[in-house]
Amino acid sequence: MSDAKKCLWCGEVKPLDEFNRYQRNSDGHANVCRECDREAQRKRRMADPERYREYGRKSYYKNHEANLERKREHYREHREEYIARSTKWHQEHKDIMRAYKKAYDKRRNARKALEKLRGMTA
């Protein structure tokens, strides 16, 4: 059995590990190399982005609970890394956090003042 194959699209002879597995072919590999296959997929996605966006949405909601559990598990396994990254970001962006807190406090104070006025008139 040969260890190389010629891609039908680019015409290059490449090792079999550069081809996706495809059991229907006699050699068990696709006729197009991974690089050409990726390029074709990119072109399909660019030609009809809404179709792929909708597919992604359906897939996300179909597997919503499983996705959430997978994310929770990943967070539990990498909690220290998440905390370190967040702490580092906050240290490097103190000015952004200061502005955010100032805006938050302003909204909160306005909401409290409005509630106080409503309480007086009721």
PDB file of N, CA and C in Angstrom:
ATOM      1  N   MET A   1       0.832  -1.182   0.000  1.00  0.00           N
ATOM      2  CA  MET A   1       0.000   0.000   0.000  1.00  0.00           C
ATOM      3  C   MET A   1       0.877   1.247   0.000  1.00  0.00           C
ATOM      4  N   SER A   2       0.490   2.251  -0.750  1.00  0.00           N
ATOM      5  CA  SER A   2       1.281   3.466  -0.904  1.00  0.00           C
ATOM      6  C   SER A   2       1.144   4.372   0.320  1.00  0.00           C
ATOM      7  N   ASP A   3       2.211   5.105   0.614  1.00  0.00           N
ATOM      8  CA  ASP A   3       2.194   6.036   1.734  1.00  0.00           C
ATOM      9  C   ASP A   3       1.911   7.456   1.276  1.00  0.00           C
ATOM     10  N   ALA A   4       1.647   7.645  -0.027  1.00  0.00           N
ATOM     11  CA  ALA A   4       1.385   8.970  -0.569  1.00  0.00           C
ATOM     12  C   ALA A   4       0.215   8.894  -1.538  1.00  0.00           C
ATOM     13  N   LYS A   5      -0.335  10.072  -1.829  1.00  0.00           N
ATOM     14  CA  LYS A   5      -1.505  10.143  -2.695  1.00  0.00           C
ATOM     15  C   LYS A   5      -1.515  11.497  -3.389  1.00  0.00           C
ATOM     16  N   LYS A   6      -2.091  11.546  -4.584  1.00  0.00           N
ATOM     17  CA  LYS A   6      -2.172  12.786  -5.343  1.00  0.00           C
ATOM     18  C   LYS A   6      -3.537  13.425  -5.090  1.00  0.00           C
ATOM     19  N   CYS A   7      -3.541  14.702  -4.699  1.00  0.00           N
ATOM     20  CA  CYS A   7      -4.774  15.448  -4.468  1.00  0.00           C
ATOM     21  C   CYS A   7      -5.429  15.760  -5.814  1.00  0.00           C
ATOM     22  N   LEU A   8      -6.727  15.523  -5.914  1.00  0.00           N
ATOM     23  CA  LEU A   8      -7.433  15.776  -7.164  1.00  0.00           C
ATOM     24  C   LEU A   8      -7.563  17.260  -7.486  1.00  0.00           C
ATOM     25  N   TRP A   9      -7.477  18.126  -6.485  1.00  0.00           N
ATOM     26  CA  TRP A   9      -7.659  19.560  -6.735  1.00  0.00           C
ATOM     27  C   TRP A   9      -6.349  20.290  -6.986  1.00  0.00           C
ATOM     28  N   CYS A  10      -5.372  20.126  -6.097  1.00  0.00           N
ATOM     29  CA  CYS A  10      -4.113  20.862  -6.281  1.00  0.00           C
ATOM     30  C   CYS A  10      -3.109  20.064  -7.112  1.00  0.00           C
ATOM     31  N   GLY A  11      -3.297  18.758  -7.232  1.00  0.00           N
ATOM     32  CA  GLY A  11      -2.421  17.927  -8.044  1.00  0.00           C
ATOM     33  C   GLY A  11      -1.117  17.538  -7.386  1.00  0.00           C
ATOM     34  N   GLU A  12      -0.915  17.942  -6.143  1.00  0.00           N
ATOM     35  CA  GLU A  12       0.327  17.613  -5.438  1.00  0.00           C
ATOM     36  C   GLU A  12       0.257  16.207  -4.852  1.00  0.00           C
ATOM     37  N   VAL A  13       1.391  15.533  -4.842  1.00  0.00           N
ATOM     38  CA  VAL A  13       1.487  14.235  -4.188  1.00  0.00           C
ATOM     39  C   VAL A  13       1.883  14.502  -2.742  1.00  0.00           C
ATOM     40  N   LYS A  14       1.045  14.018  -1.821  1.00  0.00           N
ATOM     41  CA  LYS A  14       1.258  14.290  -0.398  1.00  0.00           C
ATOM     42  C   LYS A  14       1.154  12.996   0.390  1.00  0.00           C
ATOM     43  N   PRO A  15       1.745  12.969   1.590  1.00  0.00           N
ATOM     44  CA  PRO A  15       1.614  11.784   2.444  1.00  0.00           C
ATOM     45  C   PRO A  15       0.146  11.570   2.841  1.00  0.00           C
ATOM     46  N   LEU A  16      -0.214  10.338   3.121  1.00  0.00           N
ATOM     47  CA  LEU A  16      -1.595  10.010   3.455  1.00  0.00           C
ATOM     48  C   LEU A  16      -2.104  10.726   4.707  1.00  0.00           C
ATOM     49  N   ASP A  17      -1.204  11.077   5.611  1.00  0.00           N
ATOM     50  CA  ASP A  17      -1.677  11.756   6.817  1.00  0.00           C
ATOM     51  C   ASP A  17      -2.112  13.198   6.545  1.00  0.00           C
ATOM     52  N   GLU A  18      -1.947  13.681   5.323  1.00  0.00           N
ATOM     53  CA  GLU A  18      -2.447  15.004   4.945  1.00  0.00           C
ATOM     54  C   GLU A  18      -3.814  14.914   4.259  1.00  0.00           C
ATOM     55  N   PHE A  19      -4.408  13.727   4.288  1.00  0.00           N
ATOM     56  CA  PHE A  19      -5.743  13.502   3.744  1.00  0.00           C
ATOM     57  C   PHE A  19      -6.658  13.041   4.866  1.00  0.00           C
ATOM     58  N   ASN A  20      -7.897  13.510   4.864  1.00  0.00           N
ATOM     59  CA  ASN A  20      -8.868  13.056   5.862  1.00  0.00           C
ATOM     60  C   ASN A  20      -9.212  11.596   5.615  1.00  0.00           C
ATOM     61  N   ARG A  21      -9.631  10.926   6.679  1.00  0.00           N
ATOM     62  CA  ARG A  21     -10.068   9.531   6.550  1.00  0.00           C
ATOM     63  C   ARG A  21     -11.414   9.512   5.837  1.00  0.00           C
ATOM     64  N   TYR A  22     -11.596   8.548   4.951  1.00  0.00           N
ATOM     65  CA  TYR A  22     -12.842   8.395   4.211  1.00  0.00           C
ATOM     66  C   TYR A  22     -12.968   6.921   3.855  1.00  0.00           C
ATOM     67  N   GLN A  23     -13.754   6.196   4.635  1.00  0.00           N
ATOM     68  CA  GLN A  23     -13.808   4.741   4.536  1.00  0.00           C
ATOM     69  C   GLN A  23     -14.352   4.227   3.198  1.00  0.00           C
ATOM     70  N   ARG A  24     -15.110   5.042   2.482  1.00  0.00           N
ATOM     71  CA  ARG A  24     -15.694   4.575   1.221  1.00  0.00           C
ATOM     72  C   ARG A  24     -14.652   4.389   0.119  1.00  0.00           C
ATOM     73  N   ASN A  25     -13.545   5.104   0.216  1.00  0.00           N
ATOM     74  CA  ASN A  25     -12.490   4.924  -0.778  1.00  0.00           C
ATOM     75  C   ASN A  25     -11.663   3.692  -0.441  1.00  0.00           C
ATOM     76  N   SER A  26     -11.114   3.081  -1.467  1.00  0.00           N
ATOM     77  CA  SER A  26     -10.379   1.830  -1.263  1.00  0.00           C
ATOM     78  C   SER A  26      -9.160   2.000  -0.358  1.00  0.00           C
ATOM     79  N   ASP A  27      -8.525   3.165  -0.408  1.00  0.00           N
ATOM     80  CA  ASP A  27      -7.351   3.380   0.452  1.00  0.00           C
ATOM     81  C   ASP A  27      -7.734   3.948   1.820  1.00  0.00           C
ATOM     82  N   GLY A  28      -9.021   4.254   2.020  1.00  0.00           N
ATOM     83  CA  GLY A  28      -9.486   4.743   3.310  1.00  0.00           C
ATOM     84  C   GLY A  28      -9.256   6.226   3.537  1.00  0.00           C
ATOM     85  N   HIS A  29      -8.892   6.974   2.483  1.00  0.00           N
ATOM     86  CA  HIS A  29      -8.622   8.408   2.602  1.00  0.00           C
ATOM     87  C   HIS A  29      -9.384   9.172   1.526  1.00  0.00           C
ATOM     88  N   ALA A  30      -9.659  10.453   1.812  1.00  0.00           N
ATOM     89  CA  ALA A  30     -10.366  11.304   0.857  1.00  0.00           C
ATOM     90  C   ALA A  30      -9.496  11.548  -0.372  1.00  0.00           C
ATOM     91  N   ASN A  31     -10.130  12.001  -1.464  1.00  0.00           N
ATOM     92  CA  ASN A  31      -9.396  12.277  -2.698  1.00  0.00           C
ATOM     93  C   ASN A  31      -8.805  13.682  -2.731  1.00  0.00           C
ATOM     94  N   VAL A  32      -9.205  14.509  -1.753  1.00  0.00           N
ATOM     95  CA  VAL A  32      -8.751  15.900  -1.691  1.00  0.00           C
ATOM     96  C   VAL A  32      -7.967  16.084  -0.400  1.00  0.00           C
ATOM     97  N   CYS A  33      -6.839  16.751  -0.456  1.00  0.00           N
ATOM     98  CA  CYS A  33      -6.020  16.963   0.745  1.00  0.00           C
ATOM     99  C   CYS A  33      -6.740  17.891   1.728  1.00  0.00           C
ATOM    100  N   ARG A  34      -6.311  17.863   2.973  1.00  0.00           N
ATOM    101  CA  ARG A  34      -6.949  18.683   4.008  1.00  0.00           C
ATOM    102  C   ARG A  34      -6.867  20.164   3.680  1.00  0.00           C
ATOM    103  N   GLU A  35      -5.752  20.590   3.146  1.00  0.00           N
ATOM    104  CA  GLU A  35      -5.559  22.002   2.814  1.00  0.00           C
ATOM    105  C   GLU A  35      -6.583  22.463   1.780  1.00  0.00           C
ATOM    106  N   CYS A  36      -6.770  21.693   0.713  1.00  0.00           N
ATOM    107  CA  CYS A  36      -7.755  22.037  -0.321  1.00  0.00           C
ATOM    108  C   CYS A  36      -9.171  21.942   0.227  1.00  0.00           C
ATOM    109  N   ASP A  37      -9.411  20.953   1.090  1.00  0.00           N
ATOM    110  CA  ASP A  37     -10.725  20.782   1.692  1.00  0.00           C
ATOM    111  C   ASP A  37     -11.069  21.975   2.572  1.00  0.00           C
ATOM    112  N   ARG A  38     -10.098  22.451   3.356  1.00  0.00           N
ATOM    113  CA  ARG A  38     -10.324  23.630   4.204  1.00  0.00           C
ATOM    114  C   ARG A  38     -10.629  24.858   3.358  1.00  0.00           C
ATOM    115  N   GLU A  39      -9.889  25.015   2.264  1.00  0.00           N
ATOM    116  CA  GLU A  39     -10.105  26.157   1.375  1.00  0.00           C
ATOM    117  C   GLU A  39     -11.501  26.106   0.754  1.00  0.00           C
ATOM    118  N   ALA A  40     -11.937  24.929   0.344  1.00  0.00           N
ATOM    119  CA  ALA A  40     -13.270  24.780  -0.236  1.00  0.00           C
ATOM    120  C   ALA A  40     -14.333  25.089   0.813  1.00  0.00           C
ATOM    121  N   GLN A  41     -14.123  24.616   2.037  1.00  0.00           N
ATOM    122  CA  GLN A  41     -15.081  24.889   3.108  1.00  0.00           C
ATOM    123  C   GLN A  41     -15.142  26.387   3.406  1.00  0.00           C
ATOM    124  N   ARG A  42     -14.003  27.056   3.413  1.00  0.00           N
ATOM    125  CA  ARG A  42     -13.961  28.498   3.662  1.00  0.00           C
ATOM    126  C   ARG A  42     -14.746  29.237   2.587  1.00  0.00           C
ATOM    127  N   LYS A  43     -14.592  28.831   1.323  1.00  0.00           N
ATOM    128  CA  LYS A  43     -15.323  29.469   0.234  1.00  0.00           C
ATOM    129  C   LYS A  43     -16.826  29.246   0.361  1.00  0.00           C
ATOM    130  N   ARG A  44     -17.233  28.024   0.749  1.00  0.00           N
ATOM    131  CA  ARG A  44     -18.661  27.745   0.944  1.00  0.00           C
ATOM    132  C   ARG A  44     -19.233  28.626   2.051  1.00  0.00           C
ATOM    133  N   ARG A  45     -18.493  28.768   3.132  1.00  0.00           N
ATOM    134  CA  ARG A  45     -18.962  29.594   4.249  1.00  0.00           C
ATOM    135  C   ARG A  45     -19.052  31.065   3.851  1.00  0.00           C
ATOM    136  N   MET A  46     -18.112  31.529   3.066  1.00  0.00           N
ATOM    137  CA  MET A  46     -18.127  32.929   2.613  1.00  0.00           C
ATOM    138  C   MET A  46     -19.288  33.178   1.648  1.00  0.00           C
ATOM    139  N   ALA A  47     -19.633  32.182   0.848  1.00  0.00           N
ATOM    140  CA  ALA A  47     -20.697  32.336  -0.141  1.00  0.00           C
ATOM    141  C   ALA A  47     -22.078  32.394   0.520  1.00  0.00           C
ATOM    142  N   ASP A  48     -22.268  31.706   1.646  1.00  0.00           N
ATOM    143  CA  ASP A  48     -23.577  31.652   2.292  1.00  0.00           C
ATOM    144  C   ASP A  48     -23.419  31.688   3.810  1.00  0.00           C
ATOM    145  N   PRO A  49     -22.975  32.830   4.363  1.00  0.00           N
ATOM    146  CA  PRO A  49     -22.685  32.878   5.799  1.00  0.00           C
ATOM    147  C   PRO A  49     -23.926  32.687   6.674  1.00  0.00           C
ATOM    148  N   GLU A  50     -25.087  33.153   6.208  1.00  0.00           N
ATOM    149  CA  GLU A  50     -26.287  33.038   7.039  1.00  0.00           C
ATOM    150  C   GLU A  50     -26.670  31.573   7.269  1.00  0.00           C
ATOM    151  N   ARG A  51     -26.482  30.749   6.254  1.00  0.00           N
ATOM    152  CA  ARG A  51     -26.785  29.323   6.385  1.00  0.00           C
ATOM    153  C   ARG A  51     -25.948  28.704   7.499  1.00  0.00           C
ATOM    154  N   TYR A  52     -24.667  29.018   7.554  1.00  0.00           N
ATOM    155  CA  TYR A  52     -23.784  28.446   8.562  1.00  0.00           C
ATOM    156  C   TYR A  52     -24.033  29.063   9.938  1.00  0.00           C
ATOM    157  N   ARG A  53     -24.420  30.343   9.971  1.00  0.00           N
ATOM    158  CA  ARG A  53     -24.782  30.981  11.233  1.00  0.00           C
ATOM    159  C   ARG A  53     -26.005  30.302  11.834  1.00  0.00           C
ATOM    160  N   GLU A  54     -27.015  30.057  10.982  1.00  0.00           N
ATOM    161  CA  GLU A  54     -28.238  29.397  11.440  1.00  0.00           C
ATOM    162  C   GLU A  54     -27.937  27.971  11.914  1.00  0.00           C
ATOM    163  N   TYR A  55     -27.102  27.268  11.188  1.00  0.00           N
ATOM    164  CA  TYR A  55     -26.705  25.921  11.588  1.00  0.00           C
ATOM    165  C   TYR A  55     -26.030  25.956  12.959  1.00  0.00           C
ATOM    166  N   GLY A  56     -25.165  26.927  13.162  1.00  0.00           N
ATOM    167  CA  GLY A  56     -24.476  27.066  14.442  1.00  0.00           C
ATOM    168  C   GLY A  56     -25.447  27.350  15.573  1.00  0.00           C
ATOM    169  N   ARG A  57     -26.431  28.227  15.320  1.00  0.00           N
ATOM    170  CA  ARG A  57     -27.435  28.535  16.335  1.00  0.00           C
ATOM    171  C   ARG A  57     -28.236  27.292  16.713  1.00  0.00           C
ATOM    172  N   LYS A  58     -28.694  26.565  15.705  1.00  0.00           N
ATOM    173  CA  LYS A  58     -29.487  25.354  15.971  1.00  0.00           C
ATOM    174  C   LYS A  58     -28.667  24.343  16.751  1.00  0.00           C
ATOM    175  N   SER A  59     -27.436  24.153  16.357  1.00  0.00           N
ATOM    176  CA  SER A  59     -26.571  23.195  17.029  1.00  0.00           C
ATOM    177  C   SER A  59     -26.330  23.615  18.473  1.00  0.00           C
ATOM    178  N   TYR A  60     -26.128  24.911  18.695  1.00  0.00           N
ATOM    179  CA  TYR A  60     -25.883  25.416  20.042  1.00  0.00           C
ATOM    180  C   TYR A  60     -27.078  25.138  20.946  1.00  0.00           C
ATOM    181  N   TYR A  61     -28.275  25.475  20.475  1.00  0.00           N
ATOM    182  CA  TYR A  61     -29.460  25.287  21.317  1.00  0.00           C
ATOM    183  C   TYR A  61     -29.867  23.823  21.440  1.00  0.00           C
ATOM    184  N   LYS A  62     -29.594  23.036  20.425  1.00  0.00           N
ATOM    185  CA  LYS A  62     -29.902  21.612  20.485  1.00  0.00           C
ATOM    186  C   LYS A  62     -29.064  20.946  21.586  1.00  0.00           C
ATOM    187  N   ASN A  63     -27.838  21.394  21.745  1.00  0.00           N
ATOM    188  CA  ASN A  63     -26.909  20.800  22.715  1.00  0.00           C
ATOM    189  C   ASN A  63     -26.620  21.751  23.874  1.00  0.00           C
ATOM    190  N   HIS A  64     -27.556  22.636  24.174  1.00  0.00           N
ATOM    191  CA  HIS A  64     -27.327  23.709  25.137  1.00  0.00           C
ATOM    192  C   HIS A  64     -26.888  23.188  26.514  1.00  0.00           C
ATOM    193  N   GLU A  65     -27.627  22.253  27.075  1.00  0.00           N
ATOM    194  CA  GLU A  65     -27.285  21.745  28.409  1.00  0.00           C
ATOM    195  C   GLU A  65     -25.922  21.054  28.421  1.00  0.00           C
ATOM    196  N   ALA A  66     -25.657  20.265  27.393  1.00  0.00           N
ATOM    197  CA  ALA A  66     -24.365  19.576  27.322  1.00  0.00           C
ATOM    198  C   ALA A  66     -23.228  20.587  27.185  1.00  0.00           C
ATOM    199  N   ASN A  67     -23.451  21.633  26.384  1.00  0.00           N
ATOM    200  CA  ASN A  67     -22.435  22.675  26.223  1.00  0.00           C
ATOM    201  C   ASN A  67     -22.172  23.381  27.549  1.00  0.00           C
ATOM    202  N   LEU A  68     -23.248  23.716  28.274  1.00  0.00           N
ATOM    203  CA  LEU A  68     -23.080  24.391  29.562  1.00  0.00           C
ATOM    204  C   LEU A  68     -22.308  23.509  30.545  1.00  0.00           C
ATOM    205  N   GLU A  69     -22.646  22.235  30.590  1.00  0.00           N
ATOM    206  CA  GLU A  69     -21.953  21.330  31.507  1.00  0.00           C
ATOM    207  C   GLU A  69     -20.478  21.189  31.132  1.00  0.00           C
ATOM    208  N   ARG A  70     -20.200  21.127  29.825  1.00  0.00           N
ATOM    209  CA  ARG A  70     -18.813  21.027  29.372  1.00  0.00           C
ATOM    210  C   ARG A  70     -18.029  22.281  29.775  1.00  0.00           C
ATOM    211  N   LYS A  71     -18.669  23.460  29.637  1.00  0.00           N
ATOM    212  CA  LYS A  71     -18.007  24.711  30.021  1.00  0.00           C
ATOM    213  C   LYS A  71     -17.776  24.769  31.533  1.00  0.00           C
ATOM    214  N   ARG A  72     -18.781  24.327  32.295  1.00  0.00           N
ATOM    215  CA  ARG A  72     -18.626  24.314  33.757  1.00  0.00           C
ATOM    216  C   ARG A  72     -17.465  23.405  34.169  1.00  0.00           C
ATOM    217  N   GLU A  73     -17.410  22.230  33.563  1.00  0.00           N
ATOM    218  CA  GLU A  73     -16.343  21.281  33.876  1.00  0.00           C
ATOM    219  C   GLU A  73     -14.975  21.867  33.519  1.00  0.00           C
ATOM    220  N   HIS A  74     -14.902  22.518  32.365  1.00  0.00           N
ATOM    221  CA  HIS A  74     -13.636  23.142  31.944  1.00  0.00           C
ATOM    222  C   HIS A  74     -13.230  24.220  32.943  1.00  0.00           C
ATOM    223  N   TYR A  75     -14.208  25.016  33.391  1.00  0.00           N
ATOM    224  CA  TYR A  75     -13.893  26.053  34.373  1.00  0.00           C
ATOM    225  C   TYR A  75     -13.388  25.422  35.670  1.00  0.00           C
ATOM    226  N   ARG A  76     -14.055  24.372  36.127  1.00  0.00           N
ATOM    227  CA  ARG A  76     -13.614  23.713  37.369  1.00  0.00           C
ATOM    228  C   ARG A  76     -12.178  23.201  37.246  1.00  0.00           C
ATOM    229  N   GLU A  77     -11.847  22.657  36.080  1.00  0.00           N
ATOM    230  CA  GLU A  77     -10.503  22.113  35.880  1.00  0.00           C
ATOM    231  C   GLU A  77      -9.446  23.199  35.725  1.00  0.00           C
ATOM    232  N   HIS A  78      -9.841  24.388  35.250  1.00  0.00           N
ATOM    233  CA  HIS A  78      -8.877  25.454  34.969  1.00  0.00           C
ATOM    234  C   HIS A  78      -9.183  26.732  35.751  1.00  0.00           C
ATOM    235  N   ARG A  79      -9.798  26.585  36.906  1.00  0.00           N
ATOM    236  CA  ARG A  79     -10.242  27.743  37.690  1.00  0.00           C
ATOM    237  C   ARG A  79      -9.102  28.723  38.001  1.00  0.00           C
ATOM    238  N   GLU A  80      -7.971  28.196  38.414  1.00  0.00           N
ATOM    239  CA  GLU A  80      -6.845  29.061  38.775  1.00  0.00           C
ATOM    240  C   GLU A  80      -6.378  29.890  37.577  1.00  0.00           C
ATOM    241  N   GLU A  81      -6.366  29.281  36.393  1.00  0.00           N
ATOM    242  CA  GLU A  81      -5.952  30.006  35.182  1.00  0.00           C
ATOM    243  C   GLU A  81      -6.933  31.132  34.864  1.00  0.00           C
ATOM    244  N   TYR A  82      -8.232  30.862  34.995  1.00  0.00           N
ATOM    245  CA  TYR A  82      -9.242  31.886  34.752  1.00  0.00           C
ATOM    246  C   TYR A  82      -9.076  33.052  35.716  1.00  0.00           C
ATOM    247  N   ILE A  83      -8.875  32.734  36.993  1.00  0.00           N
ATOM    248  CA  ILE A  83      -8.717  33.782  38.007  1.00  0.00           C
ATOM    249  C   ILE A  83      -7.455  34.592  37.744  1.00  0.00           C
ATOM    250  N   ALA A  84      -6.360  33.919  37.408  1.00  0.00           N
ATOM    251  CA  ALA A  84      -5.104  34.620  37.131  1.00  0.00           C
ATOM    252  C   ALA A  84      -5.248  35.542  35.928  1.00  0.00           C
ATOM    253  N   ARG A  85      -5.905  35.054  34.866  1.00  0.00           N
ATOM    254  CA  ARG A  85      -6.092  35.871  33.670  1.00  0.00           C
ATOM    255  C   ARG A  85      -6.953  37.091  33.972  1.00  0.00           C
ATOM    256  N   SER A  86      -8.013  36.897  34.744  1.00  0.00           N
ATOM    257  CA  SER A  86      -8.900  37.999  35.102  1.00  0.00           C
ATOM    258  C   SER A  86      -8.174  39.025  35.965  1.00  0.00           C
ATOM    259  N   THR A  87      -7.429  38.546  36.947  1.00  0.00           N
ATOM    260  CA  THR A  87      -6.676  39.447  37.828  1.00  0.00           C
ATOM    261  C   THR A  87      -5.662  40.251  37.028  1.00  0.00           C
ATOM    262  N   LYS A  88      -4.957  39.586  36.127  1.00  0.00           N
ATOM    263  CA  LYS A  88      -3.965  40.269  35.297  1.00  0.00           C
ATOM    264  C   LYS A  88      -4.635  41.343  34.445  1.00  0.00           C
ATOM    265  N   TRP A  89      -5.783  41.007  33.838  1.00  0.00           N
ATOM    266  CA  TRP A  89      -6.475  41.977  32.988  1.00  0.00           C
ATOM    267  C   TRP A  89      -6.897  43.185  33.816  1.00  0.00           C
ATOM    268  N   HIS A  90      -7.451  42.950  34.997  1.00  0.00           N
ATOM    269  CA  HIS A  90      -7.887  44.057  35.848  1.00  0.00           C
ATOM    270  C   HIS A  90      -6.715  44.938  36.268  1.00  0.00           C
ATOM    271  N   GLN A  91      -5.561  44.327  36.526  1.00  0.00           N
ATOM    272  CA  GLN A  91      -4.384  45.104  36.897  1.00  0.00           C
ATOM    273  C   GLN A  91      -3.887  45.969  35.730  1.00  0.00           C
ATOM    274  N   GLU A  92      -3.974  45.417  34.515  1.00  0.00           N
ATOM    275  CA  GLU A  92      -3.483  46.134  33.335  1.00  0.00           C
ATOM    276  C   GLU A  92      -4.476  47.177  32.821  1.00  0.00           C
ATOM    277  N   HIS A  93      -5.738  47.105  33.253  1.00  0.00           N
ATOM    278  CA  HIS A  93      -6.776  48.001  32.732  1.00  0.00           C
ATOM    279  C   HIS A  93      -7.516  48.707  33.864  1.00  0.00           C
ATOM    280  N   LYS A  94      -6.774  49.224  34.799  1.00  0.00           N
ATOM    281  CA  LYS A  94      -7.386  49.909  35.945  1.00  0.00           C
ATOM    282  C   LYS A  94      -8.206  51.120  35.501  1.00  0.00           C
ATOM    283  N   ASP A  95      -7.743  51.827  34.474  1.00  0.00           N
ATOM    284  CA  ASP A  95      -8.470  53.004  34.003  1.00  0.00           C
ATOM    285  C   ASP A  95      -9.846  52.631  33.446  1.00  0.00           C
ATOM    286  N   ILE A  96      -9.921  51.539  32.731  1.00  0.00           N
ATOM    287  CA  ILE A  96     -11.204  51.077  32.185  1.00  0.00           C
ATOM    288  C   ILE A  96     -12.128  50.680  33.329  1.00  0.00           C
ATOM    289  N   MET A  97     -11.610  49.960  34.306  1.00  0.00           N
ATOM    290  CA  MET A  97     -12.423  49.532  35.431  1.00  0.00           C
ATOM    291  C   MET A  97     -12.890  50.728  36.261  1.00  0.00           C
ATOM    292  N   ARG A  98     -12.039  51.740  36.404  1.00  0.00           N
ATOM    293  CA  ARG A  98     -12.412  52.942  37.146  1.00  0.00           C
ATOM    294  C   ARG A  98     -13.572  53.651  36.443  1.00  0.00           C
ATOM    295  N   ALA A  99     -13.489  53.773  35.116  1.00  0.00           N
ATOM    296  CA  ALA A  99     -14.558  54.417  34.342  1.00  0.00           C
ATOM    297  C   ALA A  99     -15.846  53.601  34.419  1.00  0.00           C
ATOM    298  N   TYR A 100     -15.731  52.278  34.350  1.00  0.00           N
ATOM    299  CA  TYR A 100     -16.909  51.420  34.451  1.00  0.00           C
ATOM    300  C   TYR A 100     -17.582  51.593  35.809  1.00  0.00           C
ATOM    301  N   LYS A 101     -16.787  51.588  36.877  1.00  0.00           N
ATOM    302  CA  LYS A 101     -17.341  51.731  38.219  1.00  0.00           C
ATOM    303  C   LYS A 101     -18.001  53.090  38.396  1.00  0.00           C
ATOM    304  N   LYS A 102     -17.401  54.119  37.832  1.00  0.00           N
ATOM    305  CA  LYS A 102     -17.972  55.462  37.932  1.00  0.00           C
ATOM    306  C   LYS A 102     -19.335  55.513  37.235  1.00  0.00           C
ATOM    307  N   ALA A 103     -19.436  54.946  36.037  1.00  0.00           N
ATOM    308  CA  ALA A 103     -20.696  54.917  35.302  1.00  0.00           C
ATOM    309  C   ALA A 103     -21.728  54.074  36.048  1.00  0.00           C
ATOM    310  N   TYR A 104     -21.292  52.944  36.603  1.00  0.00           N
ATOM    311  CA  TYR A 104     -22.198  52.073  37.356  1.00  0.00           C
ATOM    312  C   TYR A 104     -22.746  52.812  38.572  1.00  0.00           C
ATOM    313  N   ASP A 105     -21.862  53.465  39.313  1.00  0.00           N
ATOM    314  CA  ASP A 105     -22.290  54.203  40.502  1.00  0.00           C
ATOM    315  C   ASP A 105     -23.272  55.317  40.132  1.00  0.00           C
ATOM    316  N   LYS A 106     -23.036  55.968  39.018  1.00  0.00           N
ATOM    317  CA  LYS A 106     -23.922  57.048  38.570  1.00  0.00           C
ATOM    318  C   LYS A 106     -25.319  56.488  38.267  1.00  0.00           C
ATOM    319  N   ARG A 107     -25.379  55.361  37.553  1.00  0.00           N
ATOM    320  CA  ARG A 107     -26.677  54.740  37.247  1.00  0.00           C
ATOM    321  C   ARG A 107     -27.375  54.275  38.519  1.00  0.00           C
ATOM    322  N   ARG A 108     -26.608  53.683  39.434  1.00  0.00           N
ATOM    323  CA  ARG A 108     -27.180  53.176  40.686  1.00  0.00           C
ATOM    324  C   ARG A 108     -27.725  54.320  41.539  1.00  0.00           C
ATOM    325  N   ASN A 109     -26.974  55.420  41.616  1.00  0.00           N
ATOM    326  CA  ASN A 109     -27.429  56.566  42.400  1.00  0.00           C
ATOM    327  C   ASN A 109     -28.680  57.189  41.787  1.00  0.00           C
ATOM    328  N   ALA A 110     -28.745  57.251  40.458  1.00  0.00           N
ATOM    329  CA  ALA A 110     -29.927  57.797  39.785  1.00  0.00           C
ATOM    330  C   ALA A 110     -31.138  56.905  40.052  1.00  0.00           C
ATOM    331  N   ARG A 111     -30.937  55.594  40.009  1.00  0.00           N
ATOM    332  CA  ARG A 111     -32.034  54.655  40.269  1.00  0.00           C
ATOM    333  C   ARG A 111     -32.520  54.784  41.720  1.00  0.00           C
ATOM    334  N   LYS A 112     -31.601  54.924  42.652  1.00  0.00           N
ATOM    335  CA  LYS A 112     -31.983  55.077  44.061  1.00  0.00           C
ATOM    336  C   LYS A 112     -32.735  56.385  44.280  1.00  0.00           C
ATOM    337  N   ALA A 113     -32.291  57.452  43.632  1.00  0.00           N
ATOM    338  CA  ALA A 113     -32.971  58.740  43.769  1.00  0.00           C
ATOM    339  C   ALA A 113     -34.389  58.647  43.210  1.00  0.00           C
ATOM    340  N   LEU A 114     -34.551  57.976  42.090  1.00  0.00           N
ATOM    341  CA  LEU A 114     -35.873  57.801  41.485  1.00  0.00           C
ATOM    342  C   LEU A 114     -36.782  56.981  42.398  1.00  0.00           C
ATOM    343  N   GLU A 115     -36.243  55.920  42.976  1.00  0.00           N
ATOM    344  CA  GLU A 115     -37.028  55.111  43.907  1.00  0.00           C
ATOM    345  C   GLU A 115     -37.443  55.929  45.129  1.00  0.00           C
ATOM    346  N   LYS A 116     -36.562  56.776  45.595  1.00  0.00           N
ATOM    347  CA  LYS A 116     -36.849  57.617  46.740  1.00  0.00           C
ATOM    348  C   LYS A 116     -37.964  58.601  46.404  1.00  0.00           C
ATOM    349  N   LEU A 117     -37.900  59.193  45.201  1.00  0.00           N
ATOM    350  CA  LEU A 117     -38.962  60.126  44.782  1.00  0.00           C
ATOM    351  C   LEU A 117     -40.294  59.410  44.646  1.00  0.00           C
ATOM    352  N   ARG A 118     -40.282  58.210  44.076  1.00  0.00           N
ATOM    353  CA  ARG A 118     -41.525  57.443  43.928  1.00  0.00           C
ATOM    354  C   ARG A 118     -42.104  57.085  45.298  1.00  0.00           C
ATOM    355  N   GLY A 119     -41.246  56.819  46.242  1.00  0.00           N
ATOM    356  CA  GLY A 119     -41.702  56.478  47.596  1.00  0.00           C
ATOM    357  C   GLY A 119     -42.348  57.666  48.288  1.00  0.00           C
ATOM    358  N   MET A 120     -41.885  58.875  47.989  1.00  0.00           N
ATOM    359  CA  MET A 120     -42.441  60.070  48.594  1.00  0.00           C
ATOM    360  C   MET A 120     -43.821  60.406  48.025  1.00  0.00           C
ATOM    361  N   THR A 121     -44.008  60.162  46.728  1.00  0.00           N
ATOM    362  CA  THR A 121     -45.277  60.547  46.104  1.00  0.00           C
ATOM    363  C   THR A 121     -46.351  59.489  46.291  1.00  0.00           C
ATOM    364  N   ALA A 122     -45.973  58.279  46.617  1.00  0.00           N
ATOM    365  CA  ALA A 122     -46.968  57.201  46.724  1.00  0.00           C
ATOM    366  C   ALA A 122     -47.681  57.218  48.050  1.00  0.00           C
TER     367      ALA A 122
END
